[in-house]
N, C-alpha and C. Protein backbone atom coordinates (compact mmCIF):
# COMPACT_ATOMS: atom_id res chain seq x y z
N MET A 1 -15.96 174.47 -64.86
CA MET A 1 -14.77 175.28 -65.05
C MET A 1 -14.57 175.80 -63.64
N THR A 2 -13.46 175.92 -63.23
CA THR A 2 -13.07 176.61 -61.87
C THR A 2 -12.34 177.67 -62.12
N LEU A 3 -12.49 178.75 -61.44
CA LEU A 3 -11.72 180.02 -61.71
C LEU A 3 -10.19 180.02 -61.48
N PRO A 4 -9.68 179.27 -60.59
CA PRO A 4 -8.27 179.11 -60.46
C PRO A 4 -7.56 178.55 -61.45
N SER A 5 -8.10 177.64 -62.26
CA SER A 5 -7.57 177.09 -63.54
C SER A 5 -7.48 177.87 -64.78
N LEU A 6 -8.28 178.91 -64.74
CA LEU A 6 -8.30 179.78 -65.81
C LEU A 6 -7.05 180.50 -66.26
N SER A 7 -6.75 180.71 -67.44
CA SER A 7 -5.62 181.66 -67.89
C SER A 7 -6.36 182.98 -67.83
N LEU A 8 -5.38 183.98 -68.02
CA LEU A 8 -6.00 185.42 -68.09
C LEU A 8 -6.95 185.78 -69.20
N ARG A 9 -6.49 185.14 -70.33
CA ARG A 9 -7.48 185.36 -71.54
C ARG A 9 -8.64 184.69 -71.47
N ARG A 10 -8.77 183.34 -70.82
CA ARG A 10 -9.86 182.74 -70.49
C ARG A 10 -10.86 183.48 -69.36
N LEU A 11 -10.06 183.95 -68.37
CA LEU A 11 -10.56 184.62 -67.36
C LEU A 11 -11.44 185.86 -67.75
N SER A 12 -10.76 186.82 -68.69
CA SER A 12 -11.51 187.87 -69.34
C SER A 12 -12.78 187.34 -70.11
N LEU A 13 -12.50 186.29 -70.77
CA LEU A 13 -13.63 185.91 -71.66
C LEU A 13 -14.60 185.34 -70.68
N ALA A 14 -14.33 184.63 -69.52
CA ALA A 14 -15.46 184.27 -68.53
C ALA A 14 -16.22 185.46 -67.84
N LEU A 15 -15.47 186.53 -67.72
CA LEU A 15 -15.99 187.90 -67.13
C LEU A 15 -17.02 188.45 -68.14
N ALA A 16 -16.59 188.40 -69.50
CA ALA A 16 -17.28 189.02 -70.38
C ALA A 16 -18.55 188.18 -70.64
N LEU A 17 -18.71 186.87 -70.47
CA LEU A 17 -19.74 186.10 -70.81
C LEU A 17 -20.69 185.84 -69.48
N GLY A 18 -20.11 186.37 -68.42
CA GLY A 18 -20.84 186.35 -67.12
C GLY A 18 -20.73 185.03 -66.40
N LEU A 19 -19.74 184.21 -66.62
CA LEU A 19 -19.56 182.94 -66.02
C LEU A 19 -18.89 183.32 -64.53
N ALA A 20 -18.17 184.23 -64.43
CA ALA A 20 -17.46 184.76 -63.26
C ALA A 20 -18.38 186.04 -62.73
N THR A 21 -18.80 185.92 -61.61
CA THR A 21 -19.62 186.76 -60.98
C THR A 21 -18.96 188.07 -60.28
N SER A 22 -17.79 187.74 -59.73
CA SER A 22 -17.28 188.79 -58.90
C SER A 22 -15.75 189.10 -59.27
N ALA A 23 -15.37 190.14 -59.60
CA ALA A 23 -13.94 190.34 -59.85
C ALA A 23 -13.10 190.33 -58.52
N PRO A 24 -13.50 190.89 -57.33
CA PRO A 24 -12.72 190.85 -56.20
C PRO A 24 -12.36 189.45 -55.86
N ALA A 25 -13.11 188.47 -55.97
CA ALA A 25 -12.99 187.17 -55.62
C ALA A 25 -11.72 186.58 -56.47
N LEU A 26 -11.61 186.92 -57.76
CA LEU A 26 -10.58 186.69 -58.70
C LEU A 26 -9.40 187.23 -58.30
N ALA A 27 -9.16 188.35 -57.72
CA ALA A 27 -7.99 188.93 -57.36
C ALA A 27 -7.40 188.36 -56.32
N GLN A 28 -7.91 187.39 -55.43
CA GLN A 28 -7.33 186.67 -54.37
C GLN A 28 -6.36 185.60 -55.02
N PRO A 29 -5.03 185.58 -54.57
CA PRO A 29 -4.18 184.55 -55.07
C PRO A 29 -4.48 183.18 -54.59
N VAL A 30 -4.23 182.21 -55.36
CA VAL A 30 -4.52 180.86 -55.09
C VAL A 30 -3.10 180.40 -54.61
N THR A 31 -3.09 180.04 -53.28
CA THR A 31 -1.80 179.69 -52.73
C THR A 31 -1.93 178.18 -52.11
N ALA A 32 -0.71 177.38 -52.34
CA ALA A 32 -0.89 176.07 -51.75
C ALA A 32 0.29 175.93 -50.88
N PRO A 33 0.40 175.17 -49.83
CA PRO A 33 1.46 175.08 -49.07
C PRO A 33 2.75 174.61 -49.76
N VAL A 34 3.83 175.26 -49.49
CA VAL A 34 5.08 174.65 -50.18
C VAL A 34 5.87 173.96 -49.06
N PRO A 35 6.07 172.75 -49.56
CA PRO A 35 6.86 171.93 -48.47
C PRO A 35 8.38 172.53 -48.35
N ALA A 36 8.83 172.15 -47.18
CA ALA A 36 10.35 172.53 -46.91
C ALA A 36 11.24 171.68 -47.61
N PRO A 37 12.34 172.26 -48.28
CA PRO A 37 13.18 171.50 -49.06
C PRO A 37 13.90 170.46 -48.03
N THR A 38 14.02 169.26 -48.76
CA THR A 38 14.58 168.20 -47.90
C THR A 38 15.64 167.39 -48.70
N GLN A 39 16.64 166.58 -48.05
CA GLN A 39 17.74 166.00 -48.46
C GLN A 39 17.07 164.68 -48.69
N PRO A 40 17.65 163.72 -49.38
CA PRO A 40 17.24 162.37 -49.49
C PRO A 40 17.09 161.78 -48.13
N GLY A 41 16.10 161.06 -48.17
CA GLY A 41 15.66 160.39 -46.73
C GLY A 41 14.63 161.23 -45.99
N GLY A 42 14.34 162.56 -46.50
CA GLY A 42 13.35 163.30 -45.96
C GLY A 42 13.67 164.28 -44.93
N ALA A 43 15.03 164.20 -44.46
CA ALA A 43 15.45 165.32 -43.38
C ALA A 43 15.59 166.70 -44.02
N PRO A 44 14.96 167.71 -43.22
CA PRO A 44 15.26 169.03 -43.90
C PRO A 44 16.67 169.46 -43.92
N THR A 45 16.87 170.22 -45.03
CA THR A 45 18.26 170.44 -45.44
C THR A 45 19.05 171.16 -44.25
N GLY A 46 18.55 172.06 -43.43
CA GLY A 46 19.21 172.78 -42.69
C GLY A 46 19.69 171.97 -41.40
N GLN A 47 19.19 170.68 -41.21
CA GLN A 47 19.52 170.10 -39.93
C GLN A 47 20.66 168.92 -40.24
N VAL A 48 20.79 168.41 -41.45
CA VAL A 48 21.74 167.40 -41.86
C VAL A 48 22.98 167.96 -42.30
N PRO A 49 24.25 167.51 -41.58
CA PRO A 49 25.46 168.05 -42.01
C PRO A 49 25.79 167.48 -43.46
N ARG A 50 26.64 168.33 -44.25
CA ARG A 50 26.94 167.90 -45.55
C ARG A 50 27.93 166.58 -45.36
N LYS A 51 27.94 165.80 -46.48
CA LYS A 51 28.74 164.63 -46.51
C LYS A 51 30.17 165.18 -46.39
N GLN A 52 30.89 164.49 -45.54
CA GLN A 52 32.43 164.91 -45.50
C GLN A 52 33.24 164.12 -46.55
N ARG A 53 34.28 164.72 -47.11
CA ARG A 53 35.14 163.95 -47.87
C ARG A 53 35.92 163.04 -47.14
N PRO A 54 36.04 161.88 -47.44
CA PRO A 54 36.74 160.92 -46.65
C PRO A 54 38.15 161.00 -46.68
N GLU A 55 38.92 160.99 -45.46
CA GLU A 55 40.30 161.07 -45.37
C GLU A 55 40.81 162.27 -46.11
N ARG A 56 40.74 163.43 -45.54
CA ARG A 56 41.35 164.68 -46.15
C ARG A 56 42.95 164.50 -45.87
N LEU A 57 43.71 165.26 -46.78
CA LEU A 57 45.19 165.10 -46.55
C LEU A 57 45.55 166.02 -45.51
N THR A 58 46.58 165.76 -44.69
CA THR A 58 47.05 166.66 -43.69
C THR A 58 47.69 167.69 -44.24
N PRO A 59 48.14 168.70 -43.62
CA PRO A 59 48.92 169.88 -44.16
C PRO A 59 50.32 169.29 -44.57
N GLU A 60 50.96 168.46 -43.68
CA GLU A 60 52.19 167.87 -44.08
C GLU A 60 52.23 167.15 -45.45
N GLN A 61 51.04 166.32 -45.64
CA GLN A 61 50.92 165.45 -46.88
C GLN A 61 50.81 166.36 -48.07
N ARG A 62 49.98 167.41 -47.99
CA ARG A 62 49.75 168.39 -49.08
C ARG A 62 51.06 169.07 -49.36
N GLN A 63 51.93 169.34 -48.38
CA GLN A 63 53.12 170.25 -48.62
C GLN A 63 54.22 169.16 -49.34
N LYS A 64 54.05 167.85 -48.90
CA LYS A 64 54.80 166.92 -49.60
C LYS A 64 54.73 166.55 -51.04
N ILE A 65 53.39 166.65 -51.46
CA ILE A 65 53.00 166.42 -52.98
C ILE A 65 52.94 167.69 -53.71
N PHE A 66 53.02 168.94 -52.93
CA PHE A 66 52.74 170.11 -53.83
C PHE A 66 53.59 170.32 -55.03
N PRO A 67 54.97 170.26 -54.84
CA PRO A 67 55.61 170.70 -56.23
C PRO A 67 55.30 169.78 -57.37
N GLU A 68 55.14 168.45 -57.12
CA GLU A 68 54.70 167.56 -58.22
C GLU A 68 53.20 167.83 -58.59
N GLN A 69 52.42 168.08 -57.62
CA GLN A 69 51.08 168.52 -58.07
C GLN A 69 51.06 169.74 -58.90
N ARG A 70 51.66 170.79 -58.49
CA ARG A 70 51.85 171.94 -59.30
C ARG A 70 52.24 171.77 -60.69
N SER A 71 53.29 170.89 -61.01
CA SER A 71 53.91 170.51 -62.16
C SER A 71 52.87 169.69 -63.10
N LEU A 72 52.12 168.88 -62.52
CA LEU A 72 51.00 168.19 -63.06
C LEU A 72 49.99 169.28 -63.55
N ALA A 73 49.46 170.26 -62.55
CA ALA A 73 48.59 171.13 -62.90
C ALA A 73 48.99 172.01 -64.19
N VAL A 74 50.22 172.30 -64.20
CA VAL A 74 50.73 173.17 -65.37
C VAL A 74 50.76 172.45 -66.59
N LYS A 75 51.15 171.28 -66.54
CA LYS A 75 51.23 170.31 -67.86
C LYS A 75 49.75 170.11 -68.14
N ASP A 76 48.74 170.06 -67.38
CA ASP A 76 47.39 169.82 -67.60
C ASP A 76 46.72 171.17 -68.42
N HIS A 77 47.11 172.20 -67.90
CA HIS A 77 46.55 173.53 -68.49
C HIS A 77 47.33 173.50 -69.73
N GLN A 78 48.46 173.41 -69.91
CA GLN A 78 49.20 173.50 -71.22
C GLN A 78 48.75 172.55 -72.34
N ALA A 79 48.21 171.27 -71.93
CA ALA A 79 47.76 170.43 -72.91
C ALA A 79 46.26 170.91 -73.14
N ARG A 80 45.43 171.49 -72.22
CA ARG A 80 44.16 171.95 -72.66
C ARG A 80 44.21 173.09 -73.58
N ILE A 81 45.17 173.91 -73.24
CA ILE A 81 45.33 175.04 -74.13
C ILE A 81 45.69 174.62 -75.58
N ALA A 82 46.58 173.65 -75.71
CA ALA A 82 46.91 173.20 -77.14
C ALA A 82 45.61 172.54 -77.63
N ILE A 83 44.81 171.87 -76.99
CA ILE A 83 43.71 171.20 -77.57
C ILE A 83 42.77 172.26 -78.10
N LEU A 84 42.57 173.37 -77.07
CA LEU A 84 41.70 174.42 -77.42
C LEU A 84 42.13 175.33 -78.84
N GLU A 85 43.35 175.48 -78.94
CA GLU A 85 44.05 176.21 -80.00
C GLU A 85 43.82 175.39 -81.30
N LYS A 86 44.04 174.04 -81.11
CA LYS A 86 43.86 173.07 -82.40
C LYS A 86 42.37 173.07 -82.68
N GLY A 87 41.42 173.11 -81.82
CA GLY A 87 40.03 173.33 -82.03
C GLY A 87 39.68 174.56 -82.75
N ARG A 88 40.35 175.69 -82.29
CA ARG A 88 39.94 176.95 -82.96
C ARG A 88 40.35 176.96 -84.37
N ARG A 89 41.52 176.45 -84.70
CA ARG A 89 42.16 176.35 -85.92
C ARG A 89 41.06 175.44 -86.90
N CYS A 90 40.67 174.22 -86.24
CA CYS A 90 39.73 173.33 -87.13
C CYS A 90 38.48 174.10 -87.29
N LEU A 91 38.04 174.81 -86.33
CA LEU A 91 36.62 175.51 -86.40
C LEU A 91 36.75 176.66 -87.59
N ALA A 92 37.79 177.26 -87.57
CA ALA A 92 38.18 178.38 -88.49
C ALA A 92 38.19 177.88 -90.10
N ALA A 93 38.62 176.69 -89.95
CA ALA A 93 38.81 176.13 -91.46
C ALA A 93 37.76 175.26 -91.90
N ALA A 94 36.72 175.03 -91.04
CA ALA A 94 35.67 174.24 -91.35
C ALA A 94 34.79 174.92 -92.47
N ALA A 95 34.41 174.15 -93.47
CA ALA A 95 33.81 174.59 -94.66
C ALA A 95 32.30 174.39 -94.76
N ASN A 96 31.77 173.58 -93.77
CA ASN A 96 30.46 173.05 -93.78
C ASN A 96 30.01 172.64 -92.41
N ALA A 97 28.81 172.28 -92.23
CA ALA A 97 28.37 171.90 -91.05
C ALA A 97 28.82 170.62 -90.42
N ASP A 98 29.22 169.58 -91.39
CA ASP A 98 29.63 168.36 -91.04
C ASP A 98 31.18 168.47 -90.44
N ALA A 99 31.97 169.41 -91.16
CA ALA A 99 33.35 169.61 -90.76
C ALA A 99 33.25 170.38 -89.26
N LEU A 100 32.24 171.25 -89.14
CA LEU A 100 32.14 171.99 -87.86
C LEU A 100 31.81 170.93 -86.83
N SER A 101 30.96 170.02 -87.29
CA SER A 101 30.75 169.01 -86.15
C SER A 101 31.79 168.15 -85.62
N ASP A 102 32.58 167.85 -86.90
CA ASP A 102 33.64 166.76 -86.63
C ASP A 102 34.91 167.70 -85.83
N CYS A 103 34.97 168.77 -85.86
CA CYS A 103 35.81 169.64 -85.05
C CYS A 103 35.40 169.64 -83.61
N MET A 104 34.25 169.90 -83.56
CA MET A 104 33.72 169.78 -82.03
C MET A 104 33.83 168.47 -81.43
N ARG A 105 33.65 167.36 -82.14
CA ARG A 105 33.73 166.11 -81.64
C ARG A 105 35.10 165.72 -81.35
N GLN A 106 36.03 166.11 -82.21
CA GLN A 106 37.47 165.84 -81.82
C GLN A 106 37.95 166.51 -80.71
N GLU A 107 37.51 167.81 -80.46
CA GLU A 107 37.90 168.60 -79.42
C GLU A 107 37.37 168.08 -78.08
N ARG A 108 36.10 167.61 -78.24
CA ARG A 108 35.36 167.03 -77.02
C ARG A 108 36.22 165.74 -76.57
N ASP A 109 36.50 164.97 -77.64
CA ASP A 109 37.12 163.66 -77.25
C ASP A 109 38.64 164.05 -76.69
N ALA A 110 39.27 164.91 -77.36
CA ALA A 110 40.66 165.30 -76.87
C ALA A 110 40.73 165.64 -75.28
N ILE A 111 39.66 166.56 -75.12
CA ILE A 111 39.66 167.18 -73.69
C ILE A 111 39.15 165.94 -72.64
N GLN A 112 38.35 165.05 -73.13
CA GLN A 112 37.99 163.86 -72.33
C GLN A 112 39.32 162.97 -72.04
N ALA A 113 40.06 162.90 -73.14
CA ALA A 113 41.23 161.93 -72.97
C ALA A 113 42.25 162.69 -72.09
N GLN A 114 42.33 164.10 -71.99
CA GLN A 114 43.36 164.67 -71.30
C GLN A 114 42.76 164.70 -69.97
N ARG A 115 41.49 164.78 -69.52
CA ARG A 115 41.05 164.70 -68.42
C ARG A 115 41.37 163.24 -67.65
N LEU A 116 41.38 162.27 -68.53
CA LEU A 116 41.64 160.90 -67.87
C LEU A 116 43.07 160.74 -67.53
N GLN A 117 43.88 161.45 -68.59
CA GLN A 117 45.28 161.24 -68.42
C GLN A 117 45.82 162.04 -67.11
N HIS A 118 45.08 163.24 -66.95
CA HIS A 118 45.45 164.06 -65.68
C HIS A 118 45.05 163.20 -64.35
N MET A 119 43.88 162.77 -64.44
CA MET A 119 43.38 161.85 -63.36
C MET A 119 44.34 160.57 -63.17
N THR A 120 44.81 160.05 -64.17
CA THR A 120 45.84 158.79 -63.95
C THR A 120 47.07 159.47 -63.45
N SER A 121 47.43 160.51 -63.79
CA SER A 121 48.86 161.21 -63.29
C SER A 121 48.57 161.48 -61.81
N MET A 122 47.51 162.01 -61.45
CA MET A 122 47.08 162.48 -60.03
C MET A 122 47.11 161.25 -59.12
N ARG A 123 46.46 160.02 -59.70
CA ARG A 123 46.34 158.88 -58.94
C ARG A 123 47.77 158.27 -58.72
N ASP A 124 48.63 158.30 -59.75
CA ASP A 124 50.08 157.82 -59.52
C ASP A 124 50.74 158.51 -58.58
N LEU A 125 50.59 159.85 -58.60
CA LEU A 125 51.33 160.85 -57.55
C LEU A 125 50.84 160.30 -56.08
N LEU A 126 49.52 160.24 -55.93
CA LEU A 126 48.93 159.81 -54.63
C LEU A 126 49.50 158.60 -53.97
N GLN A 127 49.38 157.54 -55.07
CA GLN A 127 49.82 156.22 -54.72
C GLN A 127 51.38 156.25 -54.46
N ARG A 128 52.19 156.73 -55.15
CA ARG A 128 53.66 156.89 -54.86
C ARG A 128 53.98 157.44 -53.44
N ASN A 129 53.20 158.37 -52.94
CA ASN A 129 53.36 158.72 -51.68
C ASN A 129 52.54 158.29 -50.72
N GLY A 130 52.02 157.10 -50.92
CA GLY A 130 51.21 156.43 -49.82
C GLY A 130 49.94 157.14 -49.31
N LEU A 131 49.30 157.79 -50.26
CA LEU A 131 48.16 158.75 -49.62
C LEU A 131 46.93 158.09 -50.32
N PRO A 132 45.80 158.48 -49.71
CA PRO A 132 44.32 158.00 -50.19
C PRO A 132 44.21 158.35 -51.57
N VAL A 133 43.57 157.49 -52.17
CA VAL A 133 43.17 157.99 -53.80
C VAL A 133 41.73 158.09 -53.67
N PRO A 134 41.27 159.16 -54.29
CA PRO A 134 39.89 159.66 -54.24
C PRO A 134 39.18 158.64 -55.19
N GLN A 135 37.87 158.23 -54.98
CA GLN A 135 37.09 157.44 -56.01
C GLN A 135 36.38 158.25 -56.82
N TRP A 136 36.90 158.55 -57.93
CA TRP A 136 36.27 159.38 -59.09
C TRP A 136 35.38 158.54 -59.88
N ARG A 137 34.35 159.23 -60.23
CA ARG A 137 33.40 158.63 -61.00
C ARG A 137 33.69 158.55 -62.48
N PRO A 138 33.38 157.48 -63.15
CA PRO A 138 33.72 157.43 -64.67
C PRO A 138 32.84 158.22 -65.52
N LEU A 139 33.38 158.81 -66.51
CA LEU A 139 32.48 159.60 -67.50
C LEU A 139 31.43 158.78 -67.99
N GLN A 140 30.30 159.19 -68.17
CA GLN A 140 29.17 158.53 -68.86
C GLN A 140 28.67 159.39 -69.88
N GLY A 141 28.64 159.00 -71.27
CA GLY A 141 28.01 159.63 -72.11
C GLY A 141 28.79 160.95 -72.50
N LYS A 142 28.14 161.93 -72.94
CA LYS A 142 28.77 163.38 -73.28
C LYS A 142 28.83 163.97 -72.13
N PRO A 143 29.97 164.51 -71.74
CA PRO A 143 30.25 165.37 -70.55
C PRO A 143 29.32 166.62 -70.45
N GLY A 144 28.76 166.86 -69.41
CA GLY A 144 27.75 167.97 -69.10
C GLY A 144 26.37 167.79 -69.81
N MET A 145 25.90 166.61 -70.19
CA MET A 145 24.74 166.50 -70.80
C MET A 145 23.68 165.84 -69.94
N GLY A 146 23.88 165.89 -68.64
CA GLY A 146 22.93 165.57 -67.87
C GLY A 146 22.81 163.96 -67.33
N MET A 147 21.77 163.55 -66.74
CA MET A 147 21.75 162.17 -66.35
C MET A 147 21.11 161.06 -67.43
N PRO A 148 21.46 159.91 -67.25
CA PRO A 148 20.97 158.87 -68.35
C PRO A 148 19.51 159.08 -68.52
N GLY A 149 19.23 159.05 -69.84
CA GLY A 149 17.76 159.24 -70.02
C GLY A 149 17.44 160.81 -70.62
N GLY A 150 18.39 161.67 -70.15
CA GLY A 150 18.31 162.97 -70.57
C GLY A 150 18.94 163.45 -71.79
N PRO A 151 19.00 164.74 -72.25
CA PRO A 151 19.72 165.00 -73.44
C PRO A 151 21.15 164.30 -73.64
N GLY A 152 21.50 164.06 -74.78
CA GLY A 152 22.85 163.49 -74.98
C GLY A 152 22.79 161.91 -74.93
N TYR A 153 21.71 161.28 -74.56
CA TYR A 153 21.72 159.93 -74.41
C TYR A 153 20.68 159.50 -75.48
N GLY A 154 20.94 158.38 -76.21
CA GLY A 154 19.69 157.84 -77.03
C GLY A 154 20.17 157.52 -78.20
N GLY A 155 21.54 157.19 -78.45
CA GLY A 155 21.95 156.70 -79.82
C GLY A 155 22.58 157.70 -80.89
N GLY A 156 22.80 158.72 -80.57
CA GLY A 156 23.39 159.86 -81.40
C GLY A 156 24.73 159.38 -81.78
N LYS A 157 25.47 160.10 -82.77
CA LYS A 157 26.63 159.55 -83.19
C LYS A 157 27.65 159.75 -82.05
N GLY A 158 28.15 158.39 -81.71
CA GLY A 158 29.36 158.27 -80.74
C GLY A 158 28.69 158.40 -79.31
N THR A 159 27.44 158.36 -79.21
CA THR A 159 26.96 158.40 -77.71
C THR A 159 26.44 157.15 -77.45
N PRO A 160 26.37 156.66 -76.06
CA PRO A 160 25.97 155.41 -75.72
C PRO A 160 24.32 155.32 -75.89
N GLN A 161 23.85 154.31 -76.15
CA GLN A 161 22.43 153.96 -76.32
C GLN A 161 21.73 154.34 -74.98
N ALA A 162 20.44 154.67 -75.13
CA ALA A 162 19.50 154.92 -73.95
C ALA A 162 19.58 153.76 -73.17
N LEU A 163 19.79 153.90 -71.56
CA LEU A 163 19.82 152.90 -70.65
C LEU A 163 18.40 152.18 -70.59
């Protein structure tokens, strides 16, 4: 039994039983060297520049699409507000846990569908104006539930099976 591996309760028991001989030696912290944070590939984080976005829009291009982009953003906000209000009404009317779960699932599905609709509208706007379209990642599993193999994956109601 080594002293650094002892919890406080076990340490006090070891002292009481005479297994540990000197209290000052126990007061010294056990330190291990902490490696410097690195980015993938092993390079220290402070020395590698962040990955740049490919082909940012010029100020002229941004100005050209601004009116329609603002209009799309306003429509997206209005649609999300409507989804949230519908969800609030559904939650307020829920009589049991199953109804509550159904309300939350419907709201989550509606928000995901709205997000996809907005991304499609933005893609169309950029393509109409001959601008580069970003490569958006497809949604996988439940939004916000981590990486495959984590929570939210594993065959729950309406979720993809574990990979």
